[in-house]
N, C-alpha and C. Protein backbone atom coordinates (compact mmCIF):
# COMPACT_ATOMS: atom_id res chain seq x y z
N UNK A 1 49.48 110.99 -24.91
CA UNK A 1 50.77 111.42 -24.16
C UNK A 1 50.21 112.98 -23.22
N UNK A 2 50.71 112.85 -22.17
CA UNK A 2 50.68 113.87 -21.17
C UNK A 2 51.02 115.22 -21.65
N UNK A 3 50.44 116.01 -21.51
CA UNK A 3 51.35 117.58 -21.63
C UNK A 3 52.50 117.81 -20.85
N UNK A 4 52.86 118.85 -20.86
CA UNK A 4 54.01 119.35 -19.89
C UNK A 4 53.92 118.93 -18.44
N UNK A 5 54.88 118.61 -17.92
CA UNK A 5 54.72 118.40 -16.29
C UNK A 5 54.25 119.65 -15.47
N UNK A 6 52.91 119.40 -14.92
CA UNK A 6 52.33 120.24 -14.12
C UNK A 6 52.83 120.22 -12.80
N UNK A 7 52.86 121.87 -11.82
CA UNK A 7 53.29 121.67 -10.91
C UNK A 7 52.23 120.72 -9.80
N UNK A 8 52.77 120.15 -8.82
CA UNK A 8 51.84 119.27 -7.98
C UNK A 8 50.92 120.24 -7.17
N UNK A 9 49.74 120.13 -7.12
CA UNK A 9 48.74 120.79 -6.39
C UNK A 9 48.43 120.24 -5.26
N UNK A 10 47.59 121.04 -4.33
CA UNK A 10 46.74 120.44 -2.93
C UNK A 10 45.46 120.01 -3.30
N UNK A 11 45.24 119.33 -2.22
CA UNK A 11 43.57 118.71 -2.40
C UNK A 11 42.72 120.25 -2.59
N UNK A 12 42.89 121.07 -1.85
CA UNK A 12 41.66 121.92 -1.92
C UNK A 12 42.21 123.16 -3.59
N UNK A 13 43.45 123.04 -4.05
CA UNK A 13 43.46 123.67 -5.11
C UNK A 13 42.61 122.93 -6.14
N UNK A 14 43.07 121.43 -6.02
CA UNK A 14 42.13 120.54 -7.07
C UNK A 14 40.65 120.46 -7.13
N UNK A 15 40.37 120.83 -5.94
CA UNK A 15 38.67 120.73 -5.38
C UNK A 15 38.13 122.38 -6.08
N UNK A 16 38.95 123.23 -5.85
CA UNK A 16 38.46 124.59 -6.32
C UNK A 16 38.82 124.65 -7.78
N UNK A 17 39.39 123.92 -8.47
CA UNK A 17 39.37 123.68 -9.87
C UNK A 17 38.68 123.02 -10.37
N UNK A 18 38.19 122.06 -9.89
CA UNK A 18 37.44 121.14 -10.73
C UNK A 18 36.15 121.68 -10.42
N UNK A 19 35.63 122.77 -9.32
CA UNK A 19 34.18 123.16 -9.29
C UNK A 19 34.24 124.33 -10.40
N UNK A 20 35.29 124.80 -10.49
CA UNK A 20 35.25 126.29 -11.50
C UNK A 20 35.65 126.23 -13.07
N UNK A 21 36.03 125.05 -13.29
CA UNK A 21 36.34 124.82 -14.49
C UNK A 21 35.55 124.15 -15.37
N UNK A 22 34.95 124.08 -16.80
CA UNK A 22 34.16 123.14 -17.43
C UNK A 22 34.82 121.89 -17.41
N UNK A 23 34.14 120.57 -17.71
CA UNK A 23 34.82 119.49 -17.93
C UNK A 23 34.81 118.86 -16.82
N UNK A 24 35.34 117.77 -16.64
CA UNK A 24 35.96 116.72 -15.40
C UNK A 24 37.21 116.40 -15.25
N UNK A 25 37.62 116.59 -14.22
CA UNK A 25 39.31 116.76 -13.95
C UNK A 25 39.33 115.79 -12.76
N UNK A 26 40.65 114.96 -12.86
CA UNK A 26 41.10 114.10 -11.47
C UNK A 26 42.47 114.41 -11.35
N UNK A 27 42.75 114.13 -10.16
CA UNK A 27 44.12 114.54 -9.36
C UNK A 27 44.59 113.14 -8.95
N UNK A 28 45.70 112.84 -9.75
CA UNK A 28 46.45 111.84 -9.62
C UNK A 28 47.99 112.03 -9.09
N UNK A 29 48.53 111.34 -8.33
CA UNK A 29 49.71 111.79 -7.81
C UNK A 29 49.88 113.29 -7.97
N UNK A 30 49.31 114.07 -7.28
CA UNK A 30 49.68 115.35 -7.23
C UNK A 30 49.44 116.26 -8.56
N UNK A 31 48.76 115.75 -9.43
CA UNK A 31 48.89 116.37 -11.00
C UNK A 31 46.93 116.54 -11.32
N UNK A 32 46.66 117.67 -11.60
CA UNK A 32 45.18 117.86 -12.43
C UNK A 32 45.07 117.12 -13.84
N UNK A 33 44.40 116.16 -13.69
CA UNK A 33 44.12 115.71 -15.38
C UNK A 33 42.81 115.85 -15.54
N UNK A 34 42.90 116.71 -16.94
CA UNK A 34 42.07 116.75 -17.54
C UNK A 34 40.97 115.45 -18.40
N UNK A 35 39.97 115.34 -17.96
CA UNK A 35 39.15 114.12 -18.70
C UNK A 35 38.92 114.18 -20.14
N UNK A 36 39.66 113.33 -21.01
CA UNK A 36 39.15 113.49 -22.53
C UNK A 36 38.20 113.31 -22.87
N UNK A 37 37.32 113.42 -24.05
CA UNK A 37 36.17 113.15 -24.70
C UNK A 37 36.19 111.76 -25.25
N UNK A 38 35.06 111.16 -24.63
CA UNK A 38 35.05 109.78 -25.06
C UNK A 38 34.63 109.27 -26.21
N UNK A 39 34.94 108.05 -26.95
CA UNK A 39 35.07 107.45 -28.22
C UNK A 39 33.60 107.10 -28.18
N UNK A 40 32.86 106.82 -29.52
CA UNK A 40 31.60 106.10 -29.75
C UNK A 40 31.65 104.86 -28.84
N UNK A 41 32.52 104.04 -28.97
CA UNK A 41 32.99 102.82 -28.53
C UNK A 41 32.75 102.75 -26.96
N UNK A 42 33.70 103.71 -26.60
CA UNK A 42 33.48 103.79 -25.03
C UNK A 42 32.27 104.12 -24.49
N UNK A 43 31.50 105.32 -25.12
CA UNK A 43 30.35 105.55 -24.55
C UNK A 43 29.23 104.22 -24.72
N UNK A 44 29.04 103.34 -26.00
CA UNK A 44 28.24 102.24 -25.97
C UNK A 44 28.45 101.37 -24.92
N UNK A 45 30.24 100.89 -24.46
CA UNK A 45 30.31 99.95 -23.61
C UNK A 45 29.82 100.41 -22.05
N UNK A 46 29.79 101.71 -21.70
CA UNK A 46 29.39 102.27 -20.37
C UNK A 46 28.25 102.21 -20.36
N UNK A 47 27.46 102.56 -21.55
CA UNK A 47 25.67 102.31 -21.38
C UNK A 47 25.43 100.86 -21.39
N UNK A 48 26.18 99.89 -22.15
CA UNK A 48 25.94 98.60 -21.88
C UNK A 48 26.28 97.91 -20.81
N UNK A 49 27.43 98.28 -19.85
CA UNK A 49 27.78 97.67 -18.95
C UNK A 49 26.98 98.48 -17.53
N UNK A 50 26.23 99.41 -17.74
CA UNK A 50 26.04 100.09 -16.66
C UNK A 50 24.29 99.38 -16.77
N UNK A 51 23.62 99.35 -17.87
CA UNK A 51 22.24 98.60 -17.92
C UNK A 51 22.49 97.32 -17.35
N UNK A 52 23.61 96.46 -17.86
CA UNK A 52 23.54 94.98 -17.45
C UNK A 52 23.97 94.96 -15.72
N UNK A 53 24.70 95.91 -15.31
CA UNK A 53 24.43 95.80 -13.77
C UNK A 53 23.42 96.22 -12.89
N UNK A 54 22.88 97.41 -13.73
CA UNK A 54 21.74 97.64 -12.64
C UNK A 54 20.38 96.92 -12.92
N UNK A 55 20.57 96.13 -13.97
CA UNK A 55 19.57 95.11 -13.98
C UNK A 55 20.05 93.99 -13.22
N UNK A 56 21.18 93.41 -12.91
CA UNK A 56 21.56 92.36 -11.99
C UNK A 56 21.26 92.93 -10.60
N UNK A 57 21.69 94.13 -10.42
CA UNK A 57 21.99 94.68 -9.03
C UNK A 57 20.17 94.72 -8.37
N UNK A 58 19.41 95.19 -9.03
CA UNK A 58 18.10 95.55 -8.60
C UNK A 58 18.30 96.56 -7.70
N UNK A 59 17.74 96.32 -6.66
CA UNK A 59 17.75 97.42 -5.57
C UNK A 59 19.09 96.81 -4.32
N UNK A 60 19.87 96.19 -4.64
CA UNK A 60 20.79 95.87 -3.84
C UNK A 60 21.86 96.90 -3.61
N UNK A 61 22.37 97.49 -4.77
CA UNK A 61 23.36 98.57 -4.56
C UNK A 61 23.06 99.62 -5.70
N UNK A 62 23.75 100.60 -5.44
CA UNK A 62 23.45 101.66 -6.54
C UNK A 62 24.40 101.93 -7.62
N UNK A 63 24.27 101.79 -8.91
CA UNK A 63 25.06 101.95 -9.71
C UNK A 63 25.03 103.46 -10.80
N UNK A 64 26.11 103.97 -10.54
CA UNK A 64 26.26 105.55 -10.96
C UNK A 64 27.19 105.57 -12.25
N UNK A 65 26.63 106.23 -13.13
CA UNK A 65 27.44 106.19 -14.33
C UNK A 65 28.19 107.79 -14.74
N UNK A 66 29.27 107.87 -14.83
CA UNK A 66 30.16 108.76 -15.40
C UNK A 66 30.37 110.24 -14.73
N UNK A 67 29.57 110.54 -13.97
CA UNK A 67 29.82 111.89 -13.19
C UNK A 67 29.90 111.77 -11.76
N UNK A 68 29.95 110.87 -11.10
CA UNK A 68 30.11 110.69 -9.68
C UNK A 68 32.02 110.66 -9.44
N UNK A 69 32.17 111.64 -8.66
CA UNK A 69 33.73 111.44 -8.30
C UNK A 69 33.70 110.78 -6.91
N UNK A 70 34.79 110.03 -7.13
CA UNK A 70 34.91 109.28 -5.90
C UNK A 70 36.66 109.74 -5.55
N UNK A 71 36.81 109.88 -3.86
CA UNK A 71 37.91 109.93 -3.19
C UNK A 71 38.64 108.75 -2.60
N UNK A 72 39.85 108.66 -3.04
CA UNK A 72 40.80 107.79 -2.27
C UNK A 72 41.39 108.10 -1.08
N UNK A 73 41.11 108.52 -0.02
CA UNK A 73 41.92 109.51 1.09
C UNK A 73 43.36 108.92 1.31
N UNK A 74 43.68 107.62 1.40
CA UNK A 74 44.73 106.87 1.80
C UNK A 74 45.72 107.33 0.81
N UNK A 75 45.57 107.91 -0.55
CA UNK A 75 46.54 107.96 -1.50
C UNK A 75 46.49 109.41 -2.33
N UNK A 76 45.01 110.26 -1.66
CA UNK A 76 44.98 111.85 -2.65
C UNK A 76 44.39 111.43 -3.90
N UNK A 77 43.87 110.43 -4.44
CA UNK A 77 43.39 110.25 -5.65
C UNK A 77 42.22 110.90 -5.50
N UNK A 78 41.61 111.95 -6.80
CA UNK A 78 40.08 112.19 -6.66
C UNK A 78 40.30 111.83 -8.47
N UNK A 79 38.83 110.92 -8.63
CA UNK A 79 38.60 110.14 -10.08
C UNK A 79 37.25 110.35 -10.42
N UNK A 80 37.25 110.11 -11.80
CA UNK A 80 35.70 110.01 -12.19
C UNK A 80 35.65 108.22 -12.52
N UNK A 81 35.65 107.70 -12.02
CA UNK A 81 35.28 106.11 -12.78
C UNK A 81 34.19 106.06 -13.78
N UNK A 82 34.14 105.63 -14.72
CA UNK A 82 32.99 105.37 -15.89
C UNK A 82 31.75 104.71 -15.21
N UNK A 83 32.04 103.75 -14.32
CA UNK A 83 30.70 103.49 -13.47
C UNK A 83 31.32 103.17 -12.07
N UNK A 84 30.29 103.84 -11.01
CA UNK A 84 30.66 103.34 -9.97
C UNK A 84 29.65 102.90 -9.10
N UNK A 85 29.90 101.71 -8.32
CA UNK A 85 28.65 101.05 -7.56
C UNK A 85 28.82 101.23 -6.19
N UNK A 86 28.11 101.56 -5.50
CA UNK A 86 27.90 101.82 -4.13
C UNK A 86 26.92 100.68 -3.17
N UNK A 87 27.11 99.96 -2.55
CA UNK A 87 26.35 99.14 -1.68
C UNK A 87 26.18 99.45 -0.18
N UNK A 88 25.20 99.16 0.37
CA UNK A 88 25.26 99.81 1.84
C UNK A 88 24.77 101.39 2.00
N UNK A 89 25.26 101.67 3.15
CA UNK A 89 24.81 103.54 3.26
C UNK A 89 26.28 103.90 2.73
N UNK A 90 26.07 104.95 1.96
CA UNK A 90 26.46 105.71 0.87
C UNK A 90 27.35 106.73 1.80
N UNK A 91 28.89 107.30 2.12
CA UNK A 91 29.25 108.43 2.83
C UNK A 91 29.88 108.99 1.88
N UNK A 92 29.31 110.65 1.87
CA UNK A 92 29.60 111.66 0.78
C UNK A 92 30.91 112.56 1.65
N UNK A 93 31.58 113.23 1.08
CA UNK A 93 32.46 114.38 1.64
C UNK A 93 31.46 115.65 1.23
N UNK A 94 31.42 116.45 1.94
CA UNK A 94 30.83 117.90 1.89
C UNK A 94 31.65 118.73 0.45
N UNK A 95 31.91 118.20 -0.49
CA UNK A 95 32.52 119.13 -1.55
C UNK A 95 31.34 119.40 -2.61
N UNK A 96 31.82 120.11 -3.50
CA UNK A 96 31.26 120.72 -4.80
C UNK A 96 31.75 120.52 -5.88
N UNK A 97 31.36 119.02 -6.66
CA UNK A 97 30.46 118.19 -6.48
C UNK A 97 30.56 117.36 -5.32
N UNK A 98 29.77 116.67 -4.70
CA UNK A 98 29.73 115.53 -3.54
C UNK A 98 30.93 114.35 -4.07
N UNK A 99 31.46 113.88 -3.55
CA UNK A 99 32.32 112.81 -3.58
C UNK A 99 32.41 112.03 -2.76
N UNK A 100 32.10 110.61 -3.29
CA UNK A 100 31.80 109.22 -3.00
C UNK A 100 32.83 108.99 -1.88
N UNK A 101 33.11 108.50 -0.99
CA UNK A 101 33.96 107.86 0.09
C UNK A 101 34.05 106.31 0.51
N UNK A 102 33.08 105.72 0.06
CA UNK A 102 33.09 104.13 0.21
C UNK A 102 32.48 103.75 -0.96
N UNK A 103 32.96 103.58 -2.22
CA UNK A 103 32.80 102.99 -3.48
C UNK A 103 33.07 101.64 -3.11
N UNK A 104 31.97 100.50 -3.91
CA UNK A 104 32.41 99.14 -3.75
C UNK A 104 32.71 98.51 -4.74
N UNK A 105 32.50 98.95 -6.26
CA UNK A 105 32.81 98.63 -7.30
C UNK A 105 33.28 99.68 -8.01
N UNK A 106 34.52 99.70 -8.95
CA UNK A 106 34.86 100.65 -9.71
C UNK A 106 34.94 100.17 -11.41
N UNK A 107 34.47 100.76 -12.49
CA UNK A 107 34.61 100.29 -13.74
C UNK A 107 35.03 101.27 -14.31
N UNK A 108 36.03 100.75 -15.14
CA UNK A 108 36.71 101.82 -16.02
C UNK A 108 36.46 101.11 -17.44
N UNK A 109 36.72 101.63 -18.48
CA UNK A 109 36.51 101.56 -19.91
C UNK A 109 37.90 101.74 -20.31
N UNK A 110 38.53 101.17 -20.97
CA UNK A 110 40.11 101.27 -21.28
C UNK A 110 39.95 102.16 -22.67
N UNK A 111 41.14 102.72 -22.93
CA UNK A 111 41.10 103.41 -24.25
C UNK A 111 42.57 103.06 -24.45
N UNK A 112 43.36 103.39 -26.03
CA UNK A 112 44.80 103.40 -25.85
C UNK A 112 45.32 104.05 -25.26
N UNK A 113 44.96 105.39 -25.00
CA UNK A 113 45.45 106.56 -24.03
C UNK A 113 45.21 106.58 -22.60
N UNK A 114 44.24 105.70 -21.99
CA UNK A 114 44.34 105.50 -20.56
C UNK A 114 44.67 104.35 -20.05
N UNK A 115 44.54 103.36 -21.24
CA UNK A 115 44.64 102.14 -20.70
C UNK A 115 45.82 101.94 -19.72
N UNK A 116 46.96 102.35 -19.95
CA UNK A 116 48.30 102.22 -19.14
C UNK A 116 47.98 102.96 -17.75
N UNK A 117 47.57 103.72 -17.56
CA UNK A 117 46.86 104.47 -16.43
C UNK A 117 46.11 104.03 -15.62
N UNK A 118 44.90 103.34 -16.01
CA UNK A 118 43.69 102.76 -15.57
C UNK A 118 44.47 101.30 -14.96
N UNK A 119 44.95 100.37 -15.89
CA UNK A 119 45.74 99.25 -15.11
C UNK A 119 46.85 99.49 -14.26
N UNK A 120 47.44 100.54 -14.30
CA UNK A 120 48.71 100.87 -13.41
C UNK A 120 48.55 101.50 -11.97
N UNK A 121 48.68 103.09 -12.27
CA UNK A 121 48.72 104.04 -10.88
C UNK A 121 47.27 104.18 -10.74
N UNK A 122 46.50 104.36 -11.55
CA UNK A 122 44.94 104.44 -10.65
C UNK A 122 44.48 102.91 -10.28
N UNK A 123 44.80 101.70 -10.77
CA UNK A 123 44.65 100.83 -10.04
C UNK A 123 44.89 100.59 -9.00
N UNK A 124 45.98 100.90 -8.69
CA UNK A 124 46.94 100.67 -7.56
C UNK A 124 46.31 101.69 -6.41
N UNK A 125 46.14 103.13 -6.75
CA UNK A 125 44.95 103.86 -5.90
C UNK A 125 44.01 103.05 -5.32
N UNK A 126 43.07 102.69 -6.26
CA UNK A 126 41.73 102.10 -5.54
C UNK A 126 41.93 101.16 -4.79
N UNK A 127 42.89 100.32 -5.24
CA UNK A 127 42.97 99.23 -4.06
C UNK A 127 43.76 99.26 -2.89
N UNK A 128 43.95 100.52 -2.40
CA UNK A 128 44.24 101.19 -1.04
C UNK A 128 42.80 101.28 -0.29
N UNK A 129 41.68 101.53 -0.95
CA UNK A 129 40.66 101.75 -0.37
C UNK A 129 39.67 100.68 0.23
N UNK A 130 39.49 100.60 1.43
CA UNK A 130 39.10 99.17 2.04
C UNK A 130 37.83 98.86 1.40
N UNK A 131 37.05 99.98 1.15
CA UNK A 131 35.68 99.56 0.81
C UNK A 131 35.59 99.13 -0.51
N UNK A 132 36.52 99.48 -1.64
CA UNK A 132 36.37 98.72 -3.10
C UNK A 132 36.70 97.10 -2.89
N UNK A 133 35.85 96.31 -3.12
CA UNK A 133 35.80 95.06 -3.61
C UNK A 133 36.46 94.43 -4.95
N UNK A 134 36.18 94.98 -6.04
CA UNK A 134 36.81 94.94 -7.30
C UNK A 134 36.79 96.33 -8.16
N UNK A 135 37.33 96.00 -9.04
CA UNK A 135 37.81 96.80 -10.02
C UNK A 135 37.48 96.22 -11.51
N UNK A 136 36.68 96.68 -12.45
CA UNK A 136 36.69 96.07 -13.48
C UNK A 136 36.99 96.56 -14.81
N UNK A 137 37.75 96.33 -15.67
CA UNK A 137 38.55 96.94 -16.60
C UNK A 137 38.10 96.28 -17.81
N UNK A 138 37.59 97.07 -18.83
CA UNK A 138 36.59 97.00 -20.13
C UNK A 138 37.83 97.43 -21.06
N UNK A 139 38.10 96.69 -21.83
CA UNK A 139 38.78 97.25 -23.22
C UNK A 139 37.74 97.64 -24.26
N UNK A 140 38.36 98.79 -24.98
CA UNK A 140 37.42 99.70 -25.98
C UNK A 140 38.09 99.28 -27.16
N UNK A 141 39.36 98.42 -27.53
CA UNK A 141 39.88 98.16 -28.14
C UNK A 141 40.03 96.65 -28.63
N UNK A 142 39.52 95.84 -27.92
CA UNK A 142 39.34 94.58 -28.35
C UNK A 142 38.31 94.00 -27.11
N UNK A 143 38.02 92.74 -27.43
CA UNK A 143 36.61 92.32 -26.76
C UNK A 143 37.77 91.47 -25.60
N UNK A 144 37.49 92.12 -24.21
CA UNK A 144 38.30 91.67 -23.49
C UNK A 144 37.91 92.54 -21.66
N UNK A 145 37.58 91.63 -21.01
CA UNK A 145 37.52 92.42 -19.74
C UNK A 145 38.01 91.91 -18.53
N UNK A 146 38.58 92.28 -17.65
CA UNK A 146 39.88 92.07 -16.67
C UNK A 146 38.87 92.55 -15.23
N UNK A 147 38.68 91.74 -14.23
CA UNK A 147 38.28 91.78 -13.16
C UNK A 147 39.42 91.48 -12.09
N UNK A 148 39.77 92.70 -11.15
CA UNK A 148 40.68 92.48 -10.11
C UNK A 148 39.77 92.80 -8.74
N UNK A 149 39.85 91.78 -7.98
CA UNK A 149 38.90 91.41 -6.77
C UNK A 149 39.81 91.31 -5.72
N UNK A 150 39.38 92.07 -4.55
CA UNK A 150 39.91 91.58 -3.13
C UNK A 150 39.40 90.50 -2.52
N UNK A 151 40.20 89.73 -1.87
CA UNK A 151 40.20 88.37 -1.39
C UNK A 151 40.16 88.55 0.27
N UNK A 152 39.54 87.77 1.11
CA UNK A 152 39.46 87.86 2.44
C UNK A 152 40.55 88.06 3.34
N UNK A 153 41.38 87.39 2.49
CA UNK A 153 43.20 88.01 3.26
C UNK A 153 43.79 89.09 2.86
N UNK A 154 43.14 89.84 2.23
CA UNK A 154 43.57 91.05 1.23
C UNK A 154 44.58 91.31 0.46
N UNK A 155 44.79 89.91 -0.13
CA UNK A 155 45.42 89.74 -1.13
C UNK A 155 44.42 90.03 -2.72
N UNK A 156 44.75 90.08 -3.72
CA UNK A 156 43.91 90.45 -5.18
C UNK A 156 44.03 89.12 -6.05
N UNK A 157 43.02 89.34 -6.73
CA UNK A 157 42.89 88.05 -7.67
C UNK A 157 42.38 88.47 -9.09
N UNK A 158 43.42 88.22 -10.23
CA UNK A 158 42.83 89.06 -11.30
C UNK A 158 42.40 87.93 -12.21
N UNK A 159 41.24 88.21 -13.15
CA UNK A 159 40.31 87.09 -13.89
C UNK A 159 40.11 87.94 -15.07
N UNK A 160 40.58 87.10 -16.33
CA UNK A 160 40.41 87.86 -17.50
C UNK A 160 39.44 86.84 -18.42
N UNK A 161 38.44 87.57 -19.20
CA UNK A 161 37.64 86.95 -19.98
C UNK A 161 37.67 87.44 -21.29
N UNK A 162 37.62 86.81 -22.20
CA UNK A 162 37.09 87.40 -23.84
C UNK A 162 36.00 86.74 -24.41
N UNK A 163 35.42 85.92 -23.96
CA UNK A 163 34.31 85.36 -24.10
C UNK A 163 33.03 84.99 -22.84
N UNK A 164 32.06 84.17 -23.14
CA UNK A 164 31.33 83.81 -22.07
C UNK A 164 30.85 84.42 -20.94
N UNK A 165 31.28 83.83 -19.71
CA UNK A 165 30.78 84.74 -18.17
C UNK A 165 32.07 85.10 -17.34
N UNK A 166 31.70 86.32 -16.85
CA UNK A 166 32.64 86.72 -15.91
C UNK A 166 32.21 87.18 -14.71
N UNK A 167 32.67 87.20 -13.53
CA UNK A 167 32.18 87.01 -12.04
C UNK A 167 32.46 88.53 -11.51
N UNK A 168 31.73 89.30 -11.03
CA UNK A 168 32.30 90.56 -10.19
C UNK A 168 32.33 90.19 -8.41
N UNK A 169 33.25 89.74 -8.23
CA UNK A 169 32.83 89.41 -6.62
C UNK A 169 32.73 90.73 -6.14
N UNK A 170 31.93 91.07 -4.51
CA UNK A 170 31.83 91.94 -3.86
C UNK A 170 30.26 92.48 -4.29
N UNK A 171 29.63 91.95 -5.32
CA UNK A 171 28.59 92.64 -5.78
C UNK A 171 27.77 91.06 -6.19
N UNK A 172 28.47 90.04 -6.62
CA UNK A 172 27.85 89.01 -6.79
C UNK A 172 26.98 88.67 -7.94
N UNK A 173 27.80 89.54 -9.32
CA UNK A 173 27.38 89.80 -10.56
C UNK A 173 28.04 88.91 -11.51
N UNK A 174 27.06 88.29 -11.96
CA UNK A 174 28.04 87.70 -13.40
C UNK A 174 27.53 88.33 -14.95
N UNK A 175 28.72 89.36 -15.37
CA UNK A 175 28.26 89.59 -16.65
C UNK A 175 28.67 88.57 -17.91
N UNK A 176 27.94 88.64 -18.97
CA UNK A 176 28.21 88.33 -20.40
C UNK A 176 28.72 88.93 -20.80
N UNK A 177 30.13 88.46 -21.73
CA UNK A 177 31.13 89.29 -22.05
C UNK A 177 30.45 89.85 -23.31
N UNK A 178 29.86 88.89 -24.32
CA UNK A 178 29.14 89.44 -25.61
C UNK A 178 28.08 90.44 -25.32
N UNK A 179 27.38 90.31 -24.34
CA UNK A 179 26.04 91.22 -23.76
C UNK A 179 27.28 92.57 -23.65
N UNK A 180 27.99 92.98 -22.64
CA UNK A 180 28.62 93.91 -22.61
C UNK A 180 29.30 94.53 -24.03
N UNK A 181 29.57 93.64 -24.89
CA UNK A 181 30.18 94.17 -26.30
C UNK A 181 29.05 94.55 -27.28
N UNK A 182 27.69 94.12 -26.96
CA UNK A 182 26.83 94.13 -28.15
C UNK A 182 26.78 95.66 -28.90
N UNK A 183 26.76 95.37 -29.84
CA UNK A 183 26.84 96.53 -30.78
C UNK A 183 28.16 97.76 -30.84
N UNK A 184 29.19 97.15 -30.13
CA UNK A 184 30.40 97.82 -30.25
C UNK A 184 31.18 97.41 -31.54
N UNK A 185 31.64 98.11 -32.52
CA UNK A 185 32.62 98.27 -33.30
C UNK A 185 34.02 98.57 -33.02
N UNK A 186 35.05 97.90 -33.45
CA UNK A 186 36.10 98.36 -33.11
C UNK A 186 36.79 98.86 -34.39
N UNK A 187 38.27 99.52 -34.29
CA UNK A 187 38.71 99.83 -35.56
C UNK A 187 38.99 101.54 -35.56
N UNK A 188 37.95 102.10 -35.00
CA UNK A 188 37.78 103.49 -35.02
C UNK A 188 38.95 104.23 -34.72
N UNK A 189 39.07 105.59 -34.89
CA UNK A 189 40.43 106.55 -34.73
C UNK A 189 40.38 106.75 -33.26
N UNK A 190 41.73 106.46 -32.45
CA UNK A 190 41.96 106.74 -31.22
C UNK A 190 41.32 108.10 -30.80
N UNK A 191 40.72 108.34 -29.26
CA UNK A 191 40.77 109.74 -29.25
C UNK A 191 41.83 110.28 -28.28
N UNK A 192 41.41 111.44 -28.60
CA UNK A 192 42.87 112.33 -27.36
C UNK A 192 43.39 111.62 -26.20
N UNK A 193 44.49 111.76 -25.74
CA UNK A 193 44.76 111.42 -24.39
C UNK A 193 44.11 112.24 -23.20
N UNK A 194 43.81 111.96 -22.36
CA UNK A 194 43.84 113.10 -21.09
C UNK A 194 44.99 113.98 -20.72
N UNK A 195 44.95 115.36 -20.47
CA UNK A 195 46.14 115.68 -20.18
C UNK A 195 46.52 116.45 -19.06
N UNK A 196 47.58 116.44 -18.34
CA UNK A 196 47.84 117.55 -17.26
C UNK A 196 47.58 118.74 -17.49
N UNK A 197 46.85 119.58 -16.59
CA UNK A 197 47.13 121.00 -16.60
C UNK A 197 47.61 121.82 -15.23
N UNK A 198 47.71 123.02 -15.42
CA UNK A 198 47.97 123.64 -14.38
C UNK A 198 46.89 124.44 -13.69
N UNK A 199 46.87 124.34 -12.56
CA UNK A 199 45.72 125.20 -11.69
C UNK A 199 46.15 126.35 -11.59
N UNK A 200 44.81 127.34 -11.86
CA UNK A 200 45.09 128.26 -12.28
C UNK A 200 43.68 129.35 -11.49
């Protein structure tokens, strides 16, 4: 559950807040959201997926994990996806820390507290960026992966898998669901939800 409704902030206020406050913060619909600590399951899934993606991509694209901020200029979103894949020449905004402007694929590992936002409003923000070819949603509470991919006609296709293989268009990578979930145990206590904060 989010904290009390925070006053909407400007992009400049958010960038200064994220630069000067400990931890990572996103801005979603004008609210600064403090990122919650990750559960062991979340960390294992990010690690597994990042390893598999790097192995498959080789030198074709760059795969960043956890700490690269991206901006969706069309909607004002600034976010820290769990994994960011960038292909071709990368464009950065001159912020501190730097902000990637042209991600190709974004990966979010879902938890009970973040699944609604990641599947809903954040996904809608991501889809506005023309460079984004796919968004991969990995559930940390059950073995299930969803790939939301852009079609040539600007429509989107949703593909779900609980086993077997799932393709990530835009980078032409096929993931083995079992390998993504290797070593992951379900049933741990949920971690706290991210909360809105007031800029100061």
